[in-house]
């Protein structure tokens, strides 16, 4: 059975999907864009700033589900330019602690709302 998780402290979905779905002890968090949940706008700044906001949004959804970033076992990071990789790594390392989750990082042509970064996660609660 699956249960929808919605956090008022993370941006609302911009399409027909859930912020997260919990099934058993697994939580699947949809890609979090660097959108300020209060203003509903993309945060201004480079890929490091945007990655930090995406991580904060992930944390908000995880908190709503009773977890934290420490529960994350796998992430997928989408970036629009591999030149942003070091900046994203800086923000990611500041948000997560060792042992770090398994991770994939993929360069994509574009992301919604013109964002530079999007991060999705799977967590064990």
PDB file of N, CA and C in Angstrom:
ATOM      1  N   UNK A   1       0.839  -1.174   0.000  1.00  0.00           N
ATOM      2  CA  UNK A   1       0.000   0.000   0.000  1.00  0.00           C
ATOM      3  C   UNK A   1       0.889   1.244   0.000  1.00  0.00           C
ATOM      4  N   UNK A   2       0.470   2.268  -0.691  1.00  0.00           N
ATOM      5  CA  UNK A   2       1.266   3.494  -0.757  1.00  0.00           C
ATOM      6  C   UNK A   2       0.512   4.643  -0.104  1.00  0.00           C
ATOM      7  N   UNK A   3       1.310   5.551   0.493  1.00  0.00           N
ATOM      8  CA  UNK A   3       0.762   6.711   1.181  1.00  0.00           C
ATOM      9  C   UNK A   3       1.453   7.956   0.659  1.00  0.00           C
ATOM     10  N   UNK A   4       0.649   8.949   0.317  1.00  0.00           N
ATOM     11  CA  UNK A   4       1.190  10.214  -0.168  1.00  0.00           C
ATOM     12  C   UNK A   4       1.716  11.040   0.996  1.00  0.00           C
ATOM     13  N   UNK A   5       2.890  11.645   0.796  1.00  0.00           N
ATOM     14  CA  UNK A   5       3.481  12.554   1.774  1.00  0.00           C
ATOM     15  C   UNK A   5       3.521  13.937   1.148  1.00  0.00           C
ATOM     16  N   UNK A   6       3.002  14.912   1.874  1.00  0.00           N
ATOM     17  CA  UNK A   6       3.011  16.295   1.403  1.00  0.00           C
ATOM     18  C   UNK A   6       3.480  17.195   2.534  1.00  0.00           C
ATOM     19  N   UNK A   7       4.488  17.992   2.283  1.00  0.00           N
ATOM     20  CA  UNK A   7       5.001  18.923   3.283  1.00  0.00           C
ATOM     21  C   UNK A   7       4.665  20.352   2.890  1.00  0.00           C
ATOM     22  N   UNK A   8       4.103  21.125   3.816  1.00  0.00           N
ATOM     23  CA  UNK A   8       3.873  22.544   3.529  1.00  0.00           C
ATOM     24  C   UNK A   8       5.180  23.337   3.507  1.00  0.00           C
ATOM     25  N   UNK A   9       6.270  22.709   3.973  1.00  0.00           N
ATOM     26  CA  UNK A   9       7.566  23.388   4.028  1.00  0.00           C
ATOM     27  C   UNK A   9       8.434  23.115   2.803  1.00  0.00           C
ATOM     28  N   UNK A  10       7.855  22.447   1.800  1.00  0.00           N
ATOM     29  CA  UNK A  10       8.525  22.211   0.519  1.00  0.00           C
ATOM     30  C   UNK A  10       7.596  22.718  -0.573  1.00  0.00           C
ATOM     31  N   UNK A  11       8.153  23.054  -1.732  1.00  0.00           N
ATOM     32  CA  UNK A  11       7.296  23.569  -2.802  1.00  0.00           C
ATOM     33  C   UNK A  11       6.271  22.529  -3.247  1.00  0.00           C
ATOM     34  N   UNK A  12       5.106  22.997  -3.586  1.00  0.00           N
ATOM     35  CA  UNK A  12       4.058  22.114  -4.101  1.00  0.00           C
ATOM     36  C   UNK A  12       4.493  21.538  -5.446  1.00  0.00           C
ATOM     37  N   UNK A  13       3.989  20.360  -5.742  1.00  0.00           N
ATOM     38  CA  UNK A  13       4.271  19.739  -7.040  1.00  0.00           C
ATOM     39  C   UNK A  13       3.764  20.655  -8.152  1.00  0.00           C
ATOM     40  N   UNK A  14       4.515  20.698  -9.256  1.00  0.00           N
ATOM     41  CA  UNK A  14       4.114  21.558 -10.377  1.00  0.00           C
ATOM     42  C   UNK A  14       3.482  20.731 -11.503  1.00  0.00           C
ATOM     43  N   UNK A  15       3.093  19.523 -11.176  1.00  0.00           N
ATOM     44  CA  UNK A  15       2.465  18.628 -12.145  1.00  0.00           C
ATOM     45  C   UNK A  15       1.710  17.536 -11.420  1.00  0.00           C
ATOM     46  N   UNK A  16       1.244  16.542 -12.169  1.00  0.00           N
ATOM     47  CA  UNK A  16       0.465  15.455 -11.573  1.00  0.00           C
ATOM     48  C   UNK A  16       1.357  14.391 -10.925  1.00  0.00           C
ATOM     49  N   UNK A  17       1.973  14.758  -9.816  1.00  0.00           N
ATOM     50  CA  UNK A  17       2.813  13.830  -9.066  1.00  0.00           C
ATOM     51  C   UNK A  17       2.793  14.243  -7.598  1.00  0.00           C
ATOM     52  N   UNK A  18       3.247  13.354  -6.738  1.00  0.00           N
ATOM     53  CA  UNK A  18       3.310  13.598  -5.304  1.00  0.00           C
ATOM     54  C   UNK A  18       4.703  14.071  -4.921  1.00  0.00           C
ATOM     55  N   UNK A  19       4.796  14.840  -3.845  1.00  0.00           N
ATOM     56  CA  UNK A  19       6.113  15.211  -3.322  1.00  0.00           C
ATOM     57  C   UNK A  19       6.868  13.936  -2.951  1.00  0.00           C
ATOM     58  N   UNK A  20       6.154  12.999  -2.343  1.00  0.00           N
ATOM     59  CA  UNK A  20       6.769  11.724  -1.981  1.00  0.00           C
ATOM     60  C   UNK A  20       5.686  10.670  -1.808  1.00  0.00           C
ATOM     61  N   UNK A  21       6.109   9.419  -1.955  1.00  0.00           N
ATOM     62  CA  UNK A  21       5.246   8.276  -1.710  1.00  0.00           C
ATOM     63  C   UNK A  21       5.971   7.344  -0.749  1.00  0.00           C
ATOM     64  N   UNK A  22       5.248   6.945   0.294  1.00  0.00           N
ATOM     65  CA  UNK A  22       5.799   5.970   1.240  1.00  0.00           C
ATOM     66  C   UNK A  22       5.121   4.631   1.019  1.00  0.00           C
ATOM     67  N   UNK A  23       5.932   3.594   0.942  1.00  0.00           N
ATOM     68  CA  UNK A  23       5.425   2.235   0.894  1.00  0.00           C
ATOM     69  C   UNK A  23       6.292   1.407   1.829  1.00  0.00           C
ATOM     70  N   UNK A  24       5.673   0.848   2.860  1.00  0.00           N
ATOM     71  CA  UNK A  24       6.446   0.156   3.881  1.00  0.00           C
ATOM     72  C   UNK A  24       7.405   1.130   4.544  1.00  0.00           C
ATOM     73  N   UNK A  25       8.668   0.734   4.644  1.00  0.00           N
ATOM     74  CA  UNK A  25       9.652   1.636   5.248  1.00  0.00           C
ATOM     75  C   UNK A  25      10.441   2.426   4.209  1.00  0.00           C
ATOM     76  N   UNK A  26      10.011   2.373   2.950  1.00  0.00           N
ATOM     77  CA  UNK A  26      10.693   3.126   1.892  1.00  0.00           C
ATOM     78  C   UNK A  26       9.934   4.397   1.541  1.00  0.00           C
ATOM     79  N   UNK A  27      10.693   5.460   1.340  1.00  0.00           N
ATOM     80  CA  UNK A  27      10.131   6.741   0.921  1.00  0.00           C
ATOM     81  C   UNK A  27      10.785   7.138  -0.389  1.00  0.00           C
ATOM     82  N   UNK A  28       9.975   7.401  -1.391  1.00  0.00           N
ATOM     83  CA  UNK A  28      10.443   7.834  -2.701  1.00  0.00           C
ATOM     84  C   UNK A  28      10.083   9.308  -2.844  1.00  0.00           C
ATOM     85  N   UNK A  29      11.105  10.166  -2.815  1.00  0.00           N
ATOM     86  CA  UNK A  29      10.890  11.613  -2.876  1.00  0.00           C
ATOM     87  C   UNK A  29      11.105  12.085  -4.303  1.00  0.00           C
ATOM     88  N   UNK A  30      10.098  12.728  -4.852  1.00  0.00           N
ATOM     89  CA  UNK A  30      10.189  13.273  -6.209  1.00  0.00           C
ATOM     90  C   UNK A  30      11.297  14.307  -6.284  1.00  0.00           C
ATOM     91  N   UNK A  31      11.758  14.557  -7.496  1.00  0.00           N
ATOM     92  CA  UNK A  31      12.803  15.556  -7.711  1.00  0.00           C
ATOM     93  C   UNK A  31      12.412  16.884  -7.100  1.00  0.00           C
ATOM     94  N   UNK A  32      13.308  17.415  -6.295  1.00  0.00           N
ATOM     95  CA  UNK A  32      13.077  18.703  -5.649  1.00  0.00           C
ATOM     96  C   UNK A  32      13.857  19.777  -6.382  1.00  0.00           C
ATOM     97  N   UNK A  33      13.114  20.726  -6.893  1.00  0.00           N
ATOM     98  CA  UNK A  33      13.712  21.872  -7.564  1.00  0.00           C
ATOM     99  C   UNK A  33      14.121  22.903  -6.525  1.00  0.00           C
ATOM    100  N   UNK A  34      14.987  23.821  -6.874  1.00  0.00           N
ATOM    101  CA  UNK A  34      15.421  24.861  -5.943  1.00  0.00           C
ATOM    102  C   UNK A  34      14.424  26.008  -5.854  1.00  0.00           C
ATOM    103  N   UNK A  35      13.231  25.661  -5.435  1.00  0.00           N
ATOM    104  CA  UNK A  35      12.159  26.644  -5.325  1.00  0.00           C
ATOM    105  C   UNK A  35      11.947  26.974  -3.850  1.00  0.00           C
ATOM    106  N   UNK A  36      11.899  28.246  -3.549  1.00  0.00           N
ATOM    107  CA  UNK A  36      11.610  28.696  -2.196  1.00  0.00           C
ATOM    108  C   UNK A  36      10.151  28.358  -1.902  1.00  0.00           C
ATOM    109  N   UNK A  37       9.863  27.549  -0.876  1.00  0.00           N
ATOM    110  CA  UNK A  37       8.490  27.150  -0.627  1.00  0.00           C
ATOM    111  C   UNK A  37       7.583  28.282  -0.160  1.00  0.00           C
ATOM    112  N   UNK A  38       8.164  29.350   0.341  1.00  0.00           N
ATOM    113  CA  UNK A  38       7.361  30.488   0.799  1.00  0.00           C
ATOM    114  C   UNK A  38       6.944  31.367  -0.373  1.00  0.00           C
ATOM    115  N   UNK A  39       7.904  31.672  -1.253  1.00  0.00           N
ATOM    116  CA  UNK A  39       7.613  32.581  -2.367  1.00  0.00           C
ATOM    117  C   UNK A  39       7.141  31.845  -3.617  1.00  0.00           C
ATOM    118  N   UNK A  40       7.489  30.557  -3.724  1.00  0.00           N
ATOM    119  CA  UNK A  40       7.135  29.796  -4.919  1.00  0.00           C
ATOM    120  C   UNK A  40       8.005  30.126  -6.118  1.00  0.00           C
ATOM    121  N   UNK A  41       9.125  30.795  -5.875  1.00  0.00           N
ATOM    122  CA  UNK A  41      10.008  31.167  -6.974  1.00  0.00           C
ATOM    123  C   UNK A  41      11.343  30.440  -6.850  1.00  0.00           C
ATOM    124  N   UNK A  42      12.013  30.290  -7.974  1.00  0.00           N
ATOM    125  CA  UNK A  42      13.324  29.675  -8.006  1.00  0.00           C
ATOM    126  C   UNK A  42      14.302  30.602  -7.278  1.00  0.00           C
ATOM    127  N   UNK A  43      15.131  30.029  -6.399  1.00  0.00           N
ATOM    128  CA  UNK A  43      16.109  30.860  -5.694  1.00  0.00           C
ATOM    129  C   UNK A  43      17.134  31.390  -6.691  1.00  0.00           C
ATOM    130  N   UNK A  44      17.553  32.617  -6.474  1.00  0.00           N
ATOM    131  CA  UNK A  44      18.564  33.212  -7.336  1.00  0.00           C
ATOM    132  C   UNK A  44      19.939  32.778  -6.865  1.00  0.00           C
ATOM    133  N   UNK A  45      20.804  32.516  -7.826  1.00  0.00           N
ATOM    134  CA  UNK A  45      22.159  32.150  -7.480  1.00  0.00           C
ATOM    135  C   UNK A  45      22.672  31.047  -8.382  1.00  0.00           C
ATOM    136  N   UNK A  46      23.901  30.637  -8.094  1.00  0.00           N
ATOM    137  CA  UNK A  46      24.553  29.621  -8.910  1.00  0.00           C
ATOM    138  C   UNK A  46      24.063  28.215  -8.537  1.00  0.00           C
ATOM    139  N   UNK A  47      24.695  27.207  -9.121  1.00  0.00           N
ATOM    140  CA  UNK A  47      24.287  25.821  -8.897  1.00  0.00           C
ATOM    141  C   UNK A  47      24.469  25.410  -7.438  1.00  0.00           C
ATOM    142  N   UNK A  48      25.432  25.997  -6.734  1.00  0.00           N
ATOM    143  CA  UNK A  48      25.621  25.674  -5.316  1.00  0.00           C
ATOM    144  C   UNK A  48      24.435  26.161  -4.492  1.00  0.00           C
ATOM    145  N   UNK A  49      24.000  27.361  -4.741  1.00  0.00           N
ATOM    146  CA  UNK A  49      22.847  27.929  -4.046  1.00  0.00           C
ATOM    147  C   UNK A  49      21.594  27.118  -4.368  1.00  0.00           C
ATOM    148  N   UNK A  50      21.435  26.785  -5.637  1.00  0.00           N
ATOM    149  CA  UNK A  50      20.258  26.026  -6.033  1.00  0.00           C
ATOM    150  C   UNK A  50      20.281  24.606  -5.458  1.00  0.00           C
ATOM    151  N   UNK A  51      21.435  23.964  -5.437  1.00  0.00           N
ATOM    152  CA  UNK A  51      21.536  22.616  -4.867  1.00  0.00           C
ATOM    153  C   UNK A  51      21.226  22.649  -3.371  1.00  0.00           C
ATOM    154  N   UNK A  52      21.679  23.680  -2.686  1.00  0.00           N
ATOM    155  CA  UNK A  52      21.391  23.809  -1.253  1.00  0.00           C
ATOM    156  C   UNK A  52      19.886  23.913  -1.012  1.00  0.00           C
ATOM    157  N   UNK A  53      19.190  24.669  -1.848  1.00  0.00           N
ATOM    158  CA  UNK A  53      17.734  24.797  -1.700  1.00  0.00           C
ATOM    159  C   UNK A  53      17.044  23.476  -2.022  1.00  0.00           C
ATOM    160  N   UNK A  54      17.521  22.779  -3.047  1.00  0.00           N
ATOM    161  CA  UNK A  54      16.946  21.464  -3.372  1.00  0.00           C
ATOM    162  C   UNK A  54      17.118  20.501  -2.197  1.00  0.00           C
ATOM    163  N   UNK A  55      18.277  20.531  -1.561  1.00  0.00           N
ATOM    164  CA  UNK A  55      18.520  19.678  -0.387  1.00  0.00           C
ATOM    165  C   UNK A  55      17.613  20.078   0.772  1.00  0.00           C
ATOM    166  N   UNK A  56      17.411  21.364   0.977  1.00  0.00           N
ATOM    167  CA  UNK A  56      16.509  21.836   2.035  1.00  0.00           C
ATOM    168  C   UNK A  56      15.084  21.368   1.774  1.00  0.00           C
ATOM    169  N   UNK A  57      14.676  21.396   0.518  1.00  0.00           N
ATOM    170  CA  UNK A  57      13.335  20.925   0.167  1.00  0.00           C
ATOM    171  C   UNK A  57      13.208  19.422   0.387  1.00  0.00           C
ATOM    172  N   UNK A  58      14.258  18.674   0.037  1.00  0.00           N
ATOM    173  CA  UNK A  58      14.273  17.234   0.326  1.00  0.00           C
ATOM    174  C   UNK A  58      14.120  17.008   1.823  1.00  0.00           C
ATOM    175  N   UNK A  59      14.880  17.740   2.611  1.00  0.00           N
ATOM    176  CA  UNK A  59      14.833  17.586   4.062  1.00  0.00           C
ATOM    177  C   UNK A  59      13.434  17.860   4.607  1.00  0.00           C
ATOM    178  N   UNK A  60      12.744  18.840   4.063  1.00  0.00           N
ATOM    179  CA  UNK A  60      11.393  19.169   4.523  1.00  0.00           C
ATOM    180  C   UNK A  60      10.427  18.013   4.259  1.00  0.00           C
ATOM    181  N   UNK A  61      10.526  17.412   3.088  1.00  0.00           N
ATOM    182  CA  UNK A  61       9.648  16.282   2.761  1.00  0.00           C
ATOM    183  C   UNK A  61       9.982  15.092   3.656  1.00  0.00           C
ATOM    184  N   UNK A  62      11.280  14.843   3.854  1.00  0.00           N
ATOM    185  CA  UNK A  62      11.695  13.742   4.724  1.00  0.00           C
ATOM    186  C   UNK A  62      11.206  13.961   6.156  1.00  0.00           C
ATOM    187  N   UNK A  63      11.292  15.175   6.656  1.00  0.00           N
ATOM    188  CA  UNK A  63      10.818  15.487   8.002  1.00  0.00           C
ATOM    189  C   UNK A  63       9.329  15.205   8.121  1.00  0.00           C
ATOM    190  N   UNK A  64       8.571  15.601   7.120  1.00  0.00           N
ATOM    191  CA  UNK A  64       7.123  15.359   7.119  1.00  0.00           C
ATOM    192  C   UNK A  64       6.813  13.865   7.208  1.00  0.00           C
ATOM    193  N   UNK A  65       7.685  13.052   6.629  1.00  0.00           N
ATOM    194  CA  UNK A  65       7.493  11.598   6.636  1.00  0.00           C
ATOM    195  C   UNK A  65       8.067  10.937   7.886  1.00  0.00           C
ATOM    196  N   UNK A  66       8.669  11.745   8.778  1.00  0.00           N
ATOM    197  CA  UNK A  66       9.245  11.202   9.991  1.00  0.00           C
ATOM    198  C   UNK A  66      10.706  10.811   9.861  1.00  0.00           C
ATOM    199  N   UNK A  67      11.359  11.299   8.821  1.00  0.00           N
ATOM    200  CA  UNK A  67      12.763  10.965   8.600  1.00  0.00           C
ATOM    201  C   UNK A  67      13.635  12.197   8.544  1.00  0.00           C
ATOM    202  N   UNK A  68      14.803  12.022   7.952  1.00  0.00           N
ATOM    203  CA  UNK A  68      15.760  13.116   7.785  1.00  0.00           C
ATOM    204  C   UNK A  68      16.691  12.761   6.634  1.00  0.00           C
ATOM    205  N   UNK A  69      17.575  13.668   6.303  1.00  0.00           N
ATOM    206  CA  UNK A  69      18.545  13.386   5.247  1.00  0.00           C
ATOM    207  C   UNK A  69      19.414  12.177   5.595  1.00  0.00           C
ATOM    208  N   UNK A  70      19.587  11.888   6.881  1.00  0.00           N
ATOM    209  CA  UNK A  70      20.377  10.730   7.303  1.00  0.00           C
ATOM    210  C   UNK A  70      19.725   9.405   6.878  1.00  0.00           C
ATOM    211  N   UNK A  71      18.445   9.426   6.570  1.00  0.00           N
ATOM    212  CA  UNK A  71      17.723   8.214   6.153  1.00  0.00           C
ATOM    213  C   UNK A  71      17.880   7.921   4.660  1.00  0.00           C
ATOM    214  N   UNK A  72      18.421   8.862   3.906  1.00  0.00           N
ATOM    215  CA  UNK A  72      18.506   8.715   2.448  1.00  0.00           C
ATOM    216  C   UNK A  72      19.556   7.671   2.081  1.00  0.00           C
ATOM    217  N   UNK A  73      19.136   6.723   1.231  1.00  0.00           N
ATOM    218  CA  UNK A  73      20.052   5.668   0.787  1.00  0.00           C
ATOM    219  C   UNK A  73      20.500   5.861  -0.661  1.00  0.00           C
ATOM    220  N   UNK A  74      19.742   6.649  -1.454  1.00  0.00           N
ATOM    221  CA  UNK A  74      20.072   6.839  -2.875  1.00  0.00           C
ATOM    222  C   UNK A  74      19.521   8.166  -3.336  1.00  0.00           C
ATOM    223  N   UNK A  75      20.333   8.907  -4.073  1.00  0.00           N
ATOM    224  CA  UNK A  75      19.861  10.136  -4.710  1.00  0.00           C
ATOM    225  C   UNK A  75      20.196  10.098  -6.195  1.00  0.00           C
ATOM    226  N   UNK A  76      19.440  10.858  -6.935  1.00  0.00           N
ATOM    227  CA  UNK A  76      19.773  11.142  -8.327  1.00  0.00           C
ATOM    228  C   UNK A  76      19.783  12.657  -8.452  1.00  0.00           C
ATOM    229  N   UNK A  77      20.884  13.172  -8.946  1.00  0.00           N
ATOM    230  CA  UNK A  77      21.060  14.613  -9.118  1.00  0.00           C
ATOM    231  C   UNK A  77      21.040  14.906 -10.614  1.00  0.00           C
ATOM    232  N   UNK A  78      20.207  15.831 -10.990  1.00  0.00           N
ATOM    233  CA  UNK A  78      20.122  16.269 -12.383  1.00  0.00           C
ATOM    234  C   UNK A  78      20.690  17.684 -12.449  1.00  0.00           C
ATOM    235  N   UNK A  79      21.637  17.912 -13.364  1.00  0.00           N
ATOM    236  CA  UNK A  79      22.205  19.247 -13.546  1.00  0.00           C
ATOM    237  C   UNK A  79      22.211  19.579 -15.031  1.00  0.00           C
ATOM    238  N   UNK A  80      22.137  20.855 -15.325  1.00  0.00           N
ATOM    239  CA  UNK A  80      22.058  21.263 -16.729  1.00  0.00           C
ATOM    240  C   UNK A  80      23.417  21.438 -17.384  1.00  0.00           C
ATOM    241  N   UNK A  81      24.493  21.357 -16.576  1.00  0.00           N
ATOM    242  CA  UNK A  81      25.832  21.526 -17.130  1.00  0.00           C
ATOM    243  C   UNK A  81      26.822  20.834 -16.195  1.00  0.00           C
ATOM    244  N   UNK A  82      27.634  19.927 -16.713  1.00  0.00           N
ATOM    245  CA  UNK A  82      28.603  19.219 -15.877  1.00  0.00           C
ATOM    246  C   UNK A  82      29.641  20.167 -15.268  1.00  0.00           C
ATOM    247  N   UNK A  83      29.742  21.375 -15.782  1.00  0.00           N
ATOM    248  CA  UNK A  83      30.623  22.370 -15.161  1.00  0.00           C
ATOM    249  C   UNK A  83      30.121  22.748 -13.764  1.00  0.00           C
ATOM    250  N   UNK A  84      28.839  22.483 -13.486  1.00  0.00           N
ATOM    251  CA  UNK A  84      28.254  22.773 -12.177  1.00  0.00           C
ATOM    252  C   UNK A  84      28.558  21.688 -11.138  1.00  0.00           C
ATOM    253  N   UNK A  85      29.126  20.577 -11.577  1.00  0.00           N
ATOM    254  CA  UNK A  85      29.357  19.421 -10.708  1.00  0.00           C
ATOM    255  C   UNK A  85      30.084  19.783  -9.403  1.00  0.00           C
ATOM    256  N   UNK A  86      31.200  20.526  -9.443  1.00  0.00           N
ATOM    257  CA  UNK A  86      31.890  20.860  -8.193  1.00  0.00           C
ATOM    258  C   UNK A  86      31.042  21.721  -7.248  1.00  0.00           C
ATOM    259  N   UNK A  87      30.272  22.633  -7.794  1.00  0.00           N
ATOM    260  CA  UNK A  87      29.417  23.484  -6.969  1.00  0.00           C
ATOM    261  C   UNK A  87      28.318  22.674  -6.297  1.00  0.00           C
ATOM    262  N   UNK A  88      27.731  21.761  -7.060  1.00  0.00           N
ATOM    263  CA  UNK A  88      26.687  20.900  -6.516  1.00  0.00           C
ATOM    264  C   UNK A  88      27.285  20.003  -5.434  1.00  0.00           C
ATOM    265  N   UNK A  89      28.472  19.472  -5.678  1.00  0.00           N
ATOM    266  CA  UNK A  89      29.139  18.637  -4.674  1.00  0.00           C
ATOM    267  C   UNK A  89      29.340  19.392  -3.366  1.00  0.00           C
ATOM    268  N   UNK A  90      29.708  20.657  -3.435  1.00  0.00           N
ATOM    269  CA  UNK A  90      29.910  21.460  -2.230  1.00  0.00           C
ATOM    270  C   UNK A  90      28.626  21.549  -1.403  1.00  0.00           C
ATOM    271  N   UNK A  91      27.521  21.872  -2.060  1.00  0.00           N
ATOM    272  CA  UNK A  91      26.244  21.991  -1.357  1.00  0.00           C
ATOM    273  C   UNK A  91      25.776  20.635  -0.843  1.00  0.00           C
ATOM    274  N   UNK A  92      25.978  19.599  -1.644  1.00  0.00           N
ATOM    275  CA  UNK A  92      25.558  18.238  -1.286  1.00  0.00           C
ATOM    276  C   UNK A  92      26.332  17.767  -0.054  1.00  0.00           C
ATOM    277  N   UNK A  93      27.638  17.992  -0.038  1.00  0.00           N
ATOM    278  CA  UNK A  93      28.473  17.582   1.089  1.00  0.00           C
ATOM    279  C   UNK A  93      28.106  18.332   2.363  1.00  0.00           C
ATOM    280  N   UNK A  94      27.618  19.552   2.233  1.00  0.00           N
ATOM    281  CA  UNK A  94      27.195  20.324   3.395  1.00  0.00           C
ATOM    282  C   UNK A  94      25.855  19.830   3.947  1.00  0.00           C
ATOM    283  N   UNK A  95      25.027  19.252   3.097  1.00  0.00           N
ATOM    284  CA  UNK A  95      23.699  18.797   3.513  1.00  0.00           C
ATOM    285  C   UNK A  95      23.707  17.369   4.058  1.00  0.00           C
ATOM    286  N   UNK A  96      24.484  16.503   3.431  1.00  0.00           N
ATOM    287  CA  UNK A  96      24.519  15.090   3.811  1.00  0.00           C
ATOM    288  C   UNK A  96      25.768  14.808   4.624  1.00  0.00           C
ATOM    289  N   UNK A  97      25.705  13.759   5.453  1.00  0.00           N
ATOM    290  CA  UNK A  97      26.849  13.349   6.265  1.00  0.00           C
ATOM    291  C   UNK A  97      27.262  11.930   5.872  1.00  0.00           C
ATOM    292  N   UNK A  98      28.509  11.601   6.142  1.00  0.00           N
ATOM    293  CA  UNK A  98      29.007  10.256   5.878  1.00  0.00           C
ATOM    294  C   UNK A  98      28.321   9.269   6.821  1.00  0.00           C
ATOM    295  N   UNK A  99      28.028   8.089   6.392  1.00  0.00           N
ATOM    296  CA  UNK A  99      28.267   7.596   5.039  1.00  0.00           C
ATOM    297  C   UNK A  99      27.231   8.198   4.085  1.00  0.00           C
ATOM    298  N   UNK A 100      27.720   8.787   3.007  1.00  0.00           N
ATOM    299  CA  UNK A 100      26.854   9.449   2.038  1.00  0.00           C
ATOM    300  C   UNK A 100      25.982   8.435   1.310  1.00  0.00           C
ATOM    301  N   UNK A 101      24.804   8.870   0.858  1.00  0.00           N
ATOM    302  CA  UNK A 101      23.955   7.975   0.075  1.00  0.00           C
ATOM    303  C   UNK A 101      24.634   7.587  -1.239  1.00  0.00           C
ATOM    304  N   UNK A 102      24.237   6.459  -1.791  1.00  0.00           N
ATOM    305  CA  UNK A 102      24.622   6.148  -3.165  1.00  0.00           C
ATOM    306  C   UNK A 102      24.043   7.269  -4.028  1.00  0.00           C
ATOM    307  N   UNK A 103      24.709   7.575  -5.159  1.00  0.00           N
ATOM    308  CA  UNK A 103      24.254   8.721  -5.953  1.00  0.00           C
ATOM    309  C   UNK A 103      24.581   8.538  -7.417  1.00  0.00           C
ATOM    310  N   UNK A 104      23.684   9.040  -8.233  1.00  0.00           N
ATOM    311  CA  UNK A 104      23.945   9.209  -9.659  1.00  0.00           C
ATOM    312  C   UNK A 104      23.832  10.695  -9.949  1.00  0.00           C
ATOM    313  N   UNK A 105      24.625  11.172 -10.903  1.00  0.00           N
ATOM    314  CA  UNK A 105      24.521  12.565 -11.328  1.00  0.00           C
ATOM    315  C   UNK A 105      24.460  12.567 -12.848  1.00  0.00           C
ATOM    316  N   UNK A 106      23.427  13.196 -13.366  1.00  0.00           N
ATOM    317  CA  UNK A 106      23.174  13.167 -14.794  1.00  0.00           C
ATOM    318  C   UNK A 106      23.032  14.593 -15.322  1.00  0.00           C
ATOM    319  N   UNK A 107      23.707  14.878 -16.420  1.00  0.00           N
ATOM    320  CA  UNK A 107      23.520  16.166 -17.088  1.00  0.00           C
ATOM    321  C   UNK A 107      22.334  16.046 -18.037  1.00  0.00           C
ATOM    322  N   UNK A 108      21.459  17.013 -17.967  1.00  0.00           N
ATOM    323  CA  UNK A 108      20.264  17.038 -18.807  1.00  0.00           C
ATOM    324  C   UNK A 108      20.224  18.340 -19.595  1.00  0.00           C
ATOM    325  N   UNK A 109      19.465  18.333 -20.645  1.00  0.00           N
ATOM    326  CA  UNK A 109      19.380  19.516 -21.508  1.00  0.00           C
ATOM    327  C   UNK A 109      18.714  20.690 -20.792  1.00  0.00           C
ATOM    328  N   UNK A 110      17.651  20.400 -20.043  1.00  0.00           N
ATOM    329  CA  UNK A 110      16.913  21.461 -19.357  1.00  0.00           C
ATOM    330  C   UNK A 110      16.140  20.864 -18.191  1.00  0.00           C
ATOM    331  N   UNK A 111      15.802  21.720 -17.230  1.00  0.00           N
ATOM    332  CA  UNK A 111      14.977  21.333 -16.087  1.00  0.00           C
ATOM    333  C   UNK A 111      13.795  22.288 -15.989  1.00  0.00           C
ATOM    334  N   UNK A 112      12.720  21.878 -15.323  1.00  0.00           N
ATOM    335  CA  UNK A 112      11.563  22.755 -15.190  1.00  0.00           C
ATOM    336  C   UNK A 112      11.936  24.097 -14.567  1.00  0.00           C
ATOM    337  N   UNK A 113      11.222  25.121 -14.977  1.00  0.00           N
ATOM    338  CA  UNK A 113      11.366  26.487 -14.465  1.00  0.00           C
ATOM    339  C   UNK A 113      12.738  27.099 -14.721  1.00  0.00           C
ATOM    340  N   UNK A 114      13.523  26.485 -15.610  1.00  0.00           N
ATOM    341  CA  UNK A 114      14.853  27.002 -15.914  1.00  0.00           C
ATOM    342  C   UNK A 114      15.874  26.746 -14.821  1.00  0.00           C
ATOM    343  N   UNK A 115      15.585  25.811 -13.928  1.00  0.00           N
ATOM    344  CA  UNK A 115      16.500  25.505 -12.816  1.00  0.00           C
ATOM    345  C   UNK A 115      17.782  24.871 -13.326  1.00  0.00           C
ATOM    346  N   UNK A 116      18.832  24.989 -12.518  1.00  0.00           N
ATOM    347  CA  UNK A 116      20.129  24.393 -12.826  1.00  0.00           C
ATOM    348  C   UNK A 116      20.281  23.006 -12.214  1.00  0.00           C
ATOM    349  N   UNK A 117      19.487  22.720 -11.165  1.00  0.00           N
ATOM    350  CA  UNK A 117      19.637  21.499 -10.369  1.00  0.00           C
ATOM    351  C   UNK A 117      18.273  20.959  -9.976  1.00  0.00           C
ATOM    352  N   UNK A 118      18.183  19.634  -9.899  1.00  0.00           N
ATOM    353  CA  UNK A 118      17.029  18.950  -9.317  1.00  0.00           C
ATOM    354  C   UNK A 118      17.572  17.696  -8.646  1.00  0.00           C
ATOM    355  N   UNK A 119      17.054  17.378  -7.458  1.00  0.00           N
ATOM    356  CA  UNK A 119      17.540  16.213  -6.719  1.00  0.00           C
ATOM    357  C   UNK A 119      16.356  15.388  -6.238  1.00  0.00           C
ATOM    358  N   UNK A 120      16.399  14.064  -6.544  1.00  0.00           N
ATOM    359  CA  UNK A 120      15.395  13.142  -6.032  1.00  0.00           C
ATOM    360  C   UNK A 120      16.069  12.152  -5.095  1.00  0.00           C
ATOM    361  N   UNK A 121      15.282  11.474  -4.259  1.00  0.00           N
ATOM    362  CA  UNK A 121      15.882  10.592  -3.264  1.00  0.00           C
ATOM    363  C   UNK A 121      14.983   9.408  -2.934  1.00  0.00           C
ATOM    364  N   UNK A 122      15.644   8.354  -2.458  1.00  0.00           N
ATOM    365  CA  UNK A 122      14.975   7.201  -1.866  1.00  0.00           C
ATOM    366  C   UNK A 122      15.514   7.094  -0.445  1.00  0.00           C
ATOM    367  N   UNK A 123      14.619   6.954   0.518  1.00  0.00           N
ATOM    368  CA  UNK A 123      15.035   6.863   1.917  1.00  0.00           C
ATOM    369  C   UNK A 123      14.438   5.618   2.571  1.00  0.00           C
ATOM    370  N   UNK A 124      15.162   5.091   3.532  1.00  0.00           N
ATOM    371  CA  UNK A 124      14.687   3.978   4.364  1.00  0.00           C
ATOM    372  C   UNK A 124      14.321   4.569   5.721  1.00  0.00           C
ATOM    373  N   UNK A 125      13.048   4.502   6.061  1.00  0.00           N
ATOM    374  CA  UNK A 125      12.564   5.112   7.311  1.00  0.00           C
ATOM    375  C   UNK A 125      12.456   4.066   8.413  1.00  0.00           C
TER     376      UNK A 125
END
